[in-house]
PDB file of N, CA and C in Angstrom:
ATOM      1  N   MET A   1      89.629  76.362  90.038  1.00  0.00           N
ATOM      2  CA  MET A   1      89.592  75.554  91.235  1.00  0.00           C
ATOM      3  C   MET A   1      90.565  76.169  92.247  1.00  0.00           C
ATOM      4  N   SER A   2      90.161  76.212  93.498  1.00  0.00           N
ATOM      5  CA  SER A   2      91.001  76.829  94.519  1.00  0.00           C
ATOM      6  C   SER A   2      92.155  75.905  94.912  1.00  0.00           C
ATOM      7  N   ILE A   3      93.164  76.489  95.482  1.00  0.00           N
ATOM      8  CA  ILE A   3      94.315  75.713  95.934  1.00  0.00           C
ATOM      9  C   ILE A   3      93.886  74.711  96.992  1.00  0.00           C
ATOM     10  N   ARG A   4      92.993  75.105  97.868  1.00  0.00           N
ATOM     11  CA  ARG A   4      92.522  74.198  98.927  1.00  0.00           C
ATOM     12  C   ARG A   4      91.838  72.964  98.326  1.00  0.00           C
ATOM     13  N   ALA A   5      90.989  73.176  97.336  1.00  0.00           N
ATOM     14  CA  ALA A   5      90.293  72.050  96.692  1.00  0.00           C
ATOM     15  C   ALA A   5      91.282  71.149  95.954  1.00  0.00           C
ATOM     16  N   LEU A   6      92.257  71.757  95.278  1.00  0.00           N
ATOM     17  CA  LEU A   6      93.281  70.966  94.596  1.00  0.00           C
ATOM     18  C   LEU A   6      94.090  70.146  95.589  1.00  0.00           C
ATOM     19  N   ALA A   7      94.441  70.754  96.711  1.00  0.00           N
ATOM     20  CA  ALA A   7      95.214  70.041  97.728  1.00  0.00           C
ATOM     21  C   ALA A   7      94.412  68.871  98.285  1.00  0.00           C
ATOM     22  N   ARG A   8      93.127  69.063  98.476  1.00  0.00           N
ATOM     23  CA  ARG A   8      92.268  67.988  98.978  1.00  0.00           C
ATOM     24  C   ARG A   8      92.197  66.849  97.958  1.00  0.00           C
ATOM     25  N   ASP A   9      92.027  67.183  96.687  1.00  0.00           N
ATOM     26  CA  ASP A   9      91.988  66.161  95.643  1.00  0.00           C
ATOM     27  C   ASP A   9      93.330  65.442  95.527  1.00  0.00           C
ATOM     28  N   LEU A  10      94.415  66.189  95.680  1.00  0.00           N
ATOM     29  CA  LEU A  10      95.750  65.596  95.627  1.00  0.00           C
ATOM     30  C   LEU A  10      95.934  64.593  96.762  1.00  0.00           C
ATOM     31  N   TYR A  11      95.475  64.942  97.941  1.00  0.00           N
ATOM     32  CA  TYR A  11      95.568  64.039  99.093  1.00  0.00           C
ATOM     33  C   TYR A  11      94.789  62.751  98.831  1.00  0.00           C
ATOM     34  N   ARG A  12      93.585  62.890  98.318  1.00  0.00           N
ATOM     35  CA  ARG A  12      92.760  61.706  98.027  1.00  0.00           C
ATOM     36  C   ARG A  12      93.400  60.842  96.947  1.00  0.00           C
ATOM     37  N   ALA A  13      93.978  61.470  95.935  1.00  0.00           N
ATOM     38  CA  ALA A  13      94.647  60.719  94.870  1.00  0.00           C
ATOM     39  C   ALA A  13      95.856  59.973  95.422  1.00  0.00           C
ATOM     40  N   GLN A  14      96.600  60.596  96.322  1.00  0.00           N
ATOM     41  CA  GLN A  14      97.753  59.940  96.931  1.00  0.00           C
ATOM     42  C   GLN A  14      97.304  58.741  97.765  1.00  0.00           C
ATOM     43  N   GLN A  15      96.190  58.882  98.456  1.00  0.00           N
ATOM     44  CA  GLN A  15      95.650  57.772  99.241  1.00  0.00           C
ATOM     45  C   GLN A  15      95.259  56.605  98.328  1.00  0.00           C
ATOM     46  N   ARG A  16      94.649  56.914  97.179  1.00  0.00           N
ATOM     47  CA  ARG A  16      94.285  55.861  96.222  1.00  0.00           C
ATOM     48  C   ARG A  16      95.510  55.136  95.700  1.00  0.00           C
ATOM     49  N   VAL A  17      96.565  55.900  95.363  1.00  0.00           N
ATOM     50  CA  VAL A  17      97.800  55.287  94.861  1.00  0.00           C
ATOM     51  C   VAL A  17      98.390  54.369  95.930  1.00  0.00           C
ATOM     52  N   ASP A  18      98.444  54.841  97.155  1.00  0.00           N
ATOM     53  CA  ASP A  18      98.981  54.025  98.244  1.00  0.00           C
ATOM     54  C   ASP A  18      98.167  52.750  98.435  1.00  0.00           C
ATOM     55  N   GLN A  19      96.849  52.865  98.355  1.00  0.00           N
ATOM     56  CA  GLN A  19      95.978  51.697  98.519  1.00  0.00           C
ATOM     57  C   GLN A  19      96.208  50.683  97.402  1.00  0.00           C
ATOM     58  N   PHE A  20      96.292  51.159  96.153  1.00  0.00           N
ATOM     59  CA  PHE A  20      96.548  50.247  95.036  1.00  0.00           C
ATOM     60  C   PHE A  20      97.903  49.562  95.184  1.00  0.00           C
ATOM     61  N   ARG A  21      98.903  50.293  95.663  1.00  0.00           N
ATOM     62  CA  ARG A  21     100.229  49.683  95.861  1.00  0.00           C
ATOM     63  C   ARG A  21     100.176  48.586  96.921  1.00  0.00           C
ATOM     64  N   ARG A  22      99.452  48.834  98.013  1.00  0.00           N
ATOM     65  CA  ARG A  22      99.321  47.803  99.052  1.00  0.00           C
ATOM     66  C   ARG A  22      98.593  46.581  98.510  1.00  0.00           C
ATOM     67  N   GLU A  23      97.503  46.822  97.779  1.00  0.00           N
ATOM     68  CA  GLU A  23      96.738  45.710  97.216  1.00  0.00           C
ATOM     69  C   GLU A  23      97.556  44.933  96.196  1.00  0.00           C
ATOM     70  N   LEU A  24      98.349  45.637  95.394  1.00  0.00           N
ATOM     71  CA  LEU A  24      99.168  44.986  94.384  1.00  0.00           C
ATOM     72  C   LEU A  24     100.247  44.117  95.029  1.00  0.00           C
ATOM     73  N   ALA A  25     100.790  44.568  96.143  1.00  0.00           N
ATOM     74  CA  ALA A  25     101.818  43.792  96.845  1.00  0.00           C
ATOM     75  C   ALA A  25     101.247  42.474  97.368  1.00  0.00           C
ATOM     76  N   GLU A  26      99.963  42.456  97.678  1.00  0.00           N
ATOM     77  CA  GLU A  26      99.327  41.253  98.217  1.00  0.00           C
ATOM     78  C   GLU A  26      98.644  40.410  97.148  1.00  0.00           C
ATOM     79  N   ALA A  27      98.481  40.938  95.939  1.00  0.00           N
ATOM     80  CA  ALA A  27      97.729  40.253  94.889  1.00  0.00           C
ATOM     81  C   ALA A  27      98.566  39.180  94.202  1.00  0.00           C
ATOM     82  N   SER A  28      97.865  38.282  93.537  1.00  0.00           N
ATOM     83  CA  SER A  28      98.534  37.269  92.730  1.00  0.00           C
ATOM     84  C   SER A  28      97.631  36.909  91.553  1.00  0.00           C
ATOM     85  N   GLY A  29      98.236  36.406  90.505  1.00  0.00           N
ATOM     86  CA  GLY A  29      97.470  35.946  89.353  1.00  0.00           C
ATOM     87  C   GLY A  29      96.895  37.064  88.512  1.00  0.00           C
ATOM     88  N   GLU A  30      95.666  36.828  88.041  1.00  0.00           N
ATOM     89  CA  GLU A  30      95.016  37.767  87.135  1.00  0.00           C
ATOM     90  C   GLU A  30      94.713  39.107  87.798  1.00  0.00           C
ATOM     91  N   GLY A  31      94.517  39.107  89.087  1.00  0.00           N
ATOM     92  CA  GLY A  31      94.219  40.340  89.802  1.00  0.00           C
ATOM     93  C   GLY A  31      95.352  41.349  89.722  1.00  0.00           C
ATOM     94  N   GLU A  32      96.574  40.843  89.563  1.00  0.00           N
ATOM     95  CA  GLU A  32      97.735  41.735  89.475  1.00  0.00           C
ATOM     96  C   GLU A  32      97.641  42.663  88.270  1.00  0.00           C
ATOM     97  N   ALA A  33      97.259  42.120  87.128  1.00  0.00           N
ATOM     98  CA  ALA A  33      97.187  42.924  85.903  1.00  0.00           C
ATOM     99  C   ALA A  33      96.148  44.031  86.043  1.00  0.00           C
ATOM    100  N   VAL A  34      95.018  43.710  86.616  1.00  0.00           N
ATOM    101  CA  VAL A  34      93.955  44.709  86.803  1.00  0.00           C
ATOM    102  C   VAL A  34      94.407  45.778  87.783  1.00  0.00           C
ATOM    103  N   LEU A  35      95.023  45.356  88.893  1.00  0.00           N
ATOM    104  CA  LEU A  35      95.498  46.328  89.884  1.00  0.00           C
ATOM    105  C   LEU A  35      96.628  47.188  89.332  1.00  0.00           C
ATOM    106  N   ALA A  36      97.505  46.594  88.523  1.00  0.00           N
ATOM    107  CA  ALA A  36      98.600  47.361  87.931  1.00  0.00           C
ATOM    108  C   ALA A  36      98.052  48.446  87.008  1.00  0.00           C
ATOM    109  N   ALA A  37      97.042  48.118  86.229  1.00  0.00           N
ATOM    110  CA  ALA A  37      96.422  49.111  85.341  1.00  0.00           C
ATOM    111  C   ALA A  37      95.747  50.214  86.157  1.00  0.00           C
ATOM    112  N   SER A  38      95.072  49.838  87.226  1.00  0.00           N
ATOM    113  CA  SER A  38      94.420  50.827  88.098  1.00  0.00           C
ATOM    114  C   SER A  38      95.457  51.724  88.764  1.00  0.00           C
ATOM    115  N   LEU A  39      96.569  51.117  89.166  1.00  0.00           N
ATOM    116  CA  LEU A  39      97.647  51.892  89.788  1.00  0.00           C
ATOM    117  C   LEU A  39      98.230  52.899  88.809  1.00  0.00           C
ATOM    118  N   ARG A  40      98.464  52.478  87.569  1.00  0.00           N
ATOM    119  CA  ARG A  40      99.001  53.411  86.564  1.00  0.00           C
ATOM    120  C   ARG A  40      98.058  54.594  86.347  1.00  0.00           C
ATOM    121  N   GLU A  41      96.764  54.312  86.277  1.00  0.00           N
ATOM    122  CA  GLU A  41      95.772  55.377  86.081  1.00  0.00           C
ATOM    123  C   GLU A  41      95.748  56.320  87.280  1.00  0.00           C
ATOM    124  N   ALA A  42      95.810  55.763  88.482  1.00  0.00           N
ATOM    125  CA  ALA A  42      95.806  56.590  89.696  1.00  0.00           C
ATOM    126  C   ALA A  42      97.078  57.439  89.767  1.00  0.00           C
ATOM    127  N   GLU A  43      98.213  56.882  89.363  1.00  0.00           N
ATOM    128  CA  GLU A  43      99.465  57.649  89.361  1.00  0.00           C
ATOM    129  C   GLU A  43      99.420  58.766  88.328  1.00  0.00           C
ATOM    130  N   ARG A  44      98.790  58.509  87.195  1.00  0.00           N
ATOM    131  CA  ARG A  44      98.646  59.548  86.161  1.00  0.00           C
ATOM    132  C   ARG A  44      97.792  60.699  86.692  1.00  0.00           C
ATOM    133  N   GLU A  45      96.706  60.358  87.377  1.00  0.00           N
ATOM    134  CA  GLU A  45      95.846  61.385  87.972  1.00  0.00           C
ATOM    135  C   GLU A  45      96.604  62.178  89.044  1.00  0.00           C
ATOM    136  N   LEU A  46      97.402  61.479  89.845  1.00  0.00           N
ATOM    137  CA  LEU A  46      98.189  62.134  90.892  1.00  0.00           C
ATOM    138  C   LEU A  46      99.179  63.128  90.284  1.00  0.00           C
ATOM    139  N   ARG A  47      99.876  62.722  89.224  1.00  0.00           N
ATOM    140  CA  ARG A  47     100.822  63.635  88.559  1.00  0.00           C
ATOM    141  C   ARG A  47     100.115  64.860  87.996  1.00  0.00           C
ATOM    142  N   MET A  48      98.938  64.640  87.403  1.00  0.00           N
ATOM    143  CA  MET A  48      98.172  65.749  86.832  1.00  0.00           C
ATOM    144  C   MET A  48      97.773  66.748  87.937  1.00  0.00           C
ATOM    145  N   LEU A  49      97.277  66.237  89.051  1.00  0.00           N
ATOM    146  CA  LEU A  49      96.863  67.109  90.150  1.00  0.00           C
ATOM    147  C   LEU A  49      98.048  67.851  90.754  1.00  0.00           C
ATOM    148  N   ARG A  50      99.191  67.168  90.884  1.00  0.00           N
ATOM    149  CA  ARG A  50     100.396  67.847  91.384  1.00  0.00           C
ATOM    150  C   ARG A  50     100.787  68.996  90.467  1.00  0.00           C
ATOM    151  N   GLY A  51     100.727  68.739  89.167  1.00  0.00           N
ATOM    152  CA  GLY A  51     101.052  69.791  88.200  1.00  0.00           C
ATOM    153  C   GLY A  51     100.097  70.965  88.304  1.00  0.00           C
ATOM    154  N   MET A  52      98.825  70.662  88.459  1.00  0.00           N
ATOM    155  CA  MET A  52      97.840  71.734  88.594  1.00  0.00           C
ATOM    156  C   MET A  52      98.087  72.543  89.859  1.00  0.00           C
ATOM    157  N   LEU A  53      98.374  71.865  90.965  1.00  0.00           N
ATOM    158  CA  LEU A  53      98.616  72.568  92.221  1.00  0.00           C
ATOM    159  C   LEU A  53      99.880  73.412  92.132  1.00  0.00           C
ATOM    160  N   ASP A  54     100.934  72.854  91.533  1.00  0.00           N
ATOM    161  CA  ASP A  54     102.165  73.623  91.368  1.00  0.00           C
ATOM    162  C   ASP A  54     101.937  74.838  90.483  1.00  0.00           C
ATOM    163  N   GLY A  55     101.129  74.675  89.448  1.00  0.00           N
ATOM    164  CA  GLY A  55     100.811  75.797  88.565  1.00  0.00           C
ATOM    165  C   GLY A  55     100.028  76.879  89.280  1.00  0.00           C
ATOM    166  N   GLU A  56      99.086  76.485  90.121  1.00  0.00           N
ATOM    167  CA  GLU A  56      98.307  77.469  90.879  1.00  0.00           C
ATOM    168  C   GLU A  56      99.193  78.226  91.851  1.00  0.00           C
ATOM    169  N   LYS A  57     100.082  77.518  92.518  1.00  0.00           N
ATOM    170  CA  LYS A  57     100.970  78.177  93.477  1.00  0.00           C
ATOM    171  C   LYS A  57     101.905  79.132  92.751  1.00  0.00           C
ATOM    172  N   ALA A  58     102.439  78.712  91.614  1.00  0.00           N
ATOM    173  CA  ALA A  58     103.370  79.552  90.861  1.00  0.00           C
ATOM    174  C   ALA A  58     102.651  80.776  90.296  1.00  0.00           C
ATOM    175  N   SER A  59     101.457  80.586  89.789  1.00  0.00           N
ATOM    176  CA  SER A  59     100.757  81.727  89.205  1.00  0.00           C
ATOM    177  C   SER A  59     100.360  82.722  90.291  1.00  0.00           C
ATOM    178  N   GLY A  60     100.082  82.248  91.495  1.00  0.00           N
ATOM    179  CA  GLY A  60      99.776  83.149  92.605  1.00  0.00           C
ATOM    180  C   GLY A  60     100.972  84.020  92.964  1.00  0.00           C
ATOM    181  N   GLU A  61     102.149  83.401  93.001  1.00  0.00           N
ATOM    182  CA  GLU A  61     103.368  84.167  93.275  1.00  0.00           C
ATOM    183  C   GLU A  61     103.620  85.170  92.161  1.00  0.00           C
ATOM    184  N   PHE A  62     103.390  84.754  90.926  1.00  0.00           N
ATOM    185  CA  PHE A  62     103.591  85.630  89.779  1.00  0.00           C
ATOM    186  C   PHE A  62     102.673  86.846  89.877  1.00  0.00           C
ATOM    187  N   ARG A  63     101.391  86.594  90.198  1.00  0.00           N
ATOM    188  CA  ARG A  63     100.439  87.705  90.318  1.00  0.00           C
ATOM    189  C   ARG A  63     100.859  88.673  91.415  1.00  0.00           C
ATOM    190  N   LEU A  64     101.273  88.144  92.564  1.00  0.00           N
ATOM    191  CA  LEU A  64     101.679  89.012  93.670  1.00  0.00           C
ATOM    192  C   LEU A  64     102.893  89.852  93.296  1.00  0.00           C
ATOM    193  N   ARG A  65     103.848  89.226  92.641  1.00  0.00           N
ATOM    194  CA  ARG A  65     105.069  89.933  92.272  1.00  0.00           C
ATOM    195  C   ARG A  65     104.762  91.081  91.316  1.00  0.00           C
ATOM    196  N   HIS A  66     103.925  90.823  90.334  1.00  0.00           N
ATOM    197  CA  HIS A  66     103.635  91.842  89.334  1.00  0.00           C
ATOM    198  C   HIS A  66     102.567  92.827  89.784  1.00  0.00           C
ATOM    199  N   GLN A  67     101.797  92.451  90.743  1.00  0.00           N
ATOM    200  CA  GLN A  67     100.799  93.361  91.292  1.00  0.00           C
ATOM    201  C   GLN A  67     101.506  94.513  92.017  1.00  0.00           C
ATOM    202  N   THR A  68     102.551  94.218  92.757  1.00  0.00           N
ATOM    203  CA  THR A  68     103.284  95.267  93.473  1.00  0.00           C
ATOM    204  C   THR A  68     104.052  96.149  92.511  1.00  0.00           C
ATOM    205  N   MET A  69     104.536  95.574  91.433  1.00  0.00           N
ATOM    206  CA  MET A  69     105.285  96.386  90.460  1.00  0.00           C
ATOM    207  C   MET A  69     104.363  97.429  89.835  1.00  0.00           C
ATOM    208  N   GLY A  70     103.150  97.065  89.564  1.00  0.00           N
ATOM    209  CA  GLY A  70     102.193  98.013  89.001  1.00  0.00           C
ATOM    210  C   GLY A  70     101.887  99.143  89.953  1.00  0.00           C
ATOM    211  N   LYS A  71     101.843  98.844  91.216  1.00  0.00           N
ATOM    212  CA  LYS A  71     101.580  99.876  92.214  1.00  0.00           C
ATOM    213  C   LYS A  71     102.728 100.852  92.317  1.00  0.00           C
ATOM    214  N   LEU A  72     103.952 100.332  92.166  1.00  0.00           N
ATOM    215  CA  LEU A  72     105.122 101.221  92.248  1.00  0.00           C
ATOM    216  C   LEU A  72     105.167 102.168  91.056  1.00  0.00           C
ATOM    217  N   ARG A  73     104.769 101.703  89.900  1.00  0.00           N
ATOM    218  CA  ARG A  73     104.782 102.531  88.699  1.00  0.00           C
ATOM    219  C   ARG A  73     103.746 103.659  88.778  1.00  0.00           C
ATOM    220  N   GLY A  74     102.652 103.405  89.443  1.00  0.00           N
ATOM    221  CA  GLY A  74     101.567 104.367  89.500  1.00  0.00           C
ATOM    222  C   GLY A  74     101.815 105.531  90.437  1.00  0.00           C
ATOM    223  N   ARG A  75     102.872 105.501  91.185  1.00  0.00           N
ATOM    224  CA  ARG A  75     103.145 106.588  92.157  1.00  0.00           C
ATOM    225  C   ARG A  75     103.416 107.896  91.519  1.00  0.00           C
TER     226      ARG A  75
END
């Protein structure tokens, strides 16, 4: 998955988390438990996507760093 697609998914996940938090602040009774569970799931997805995006960014830097080293050795 490309960094752009991951960033887009991360943005959407953050929007979902924010929406659940707003709804939870206004909820009462039985609806709170359902919204709290939905919020936990959305936060778990958000953390996963952040990790994936951070991994993609780090691996890109790693590739660039080692790509130049290989070129220097080949001279």
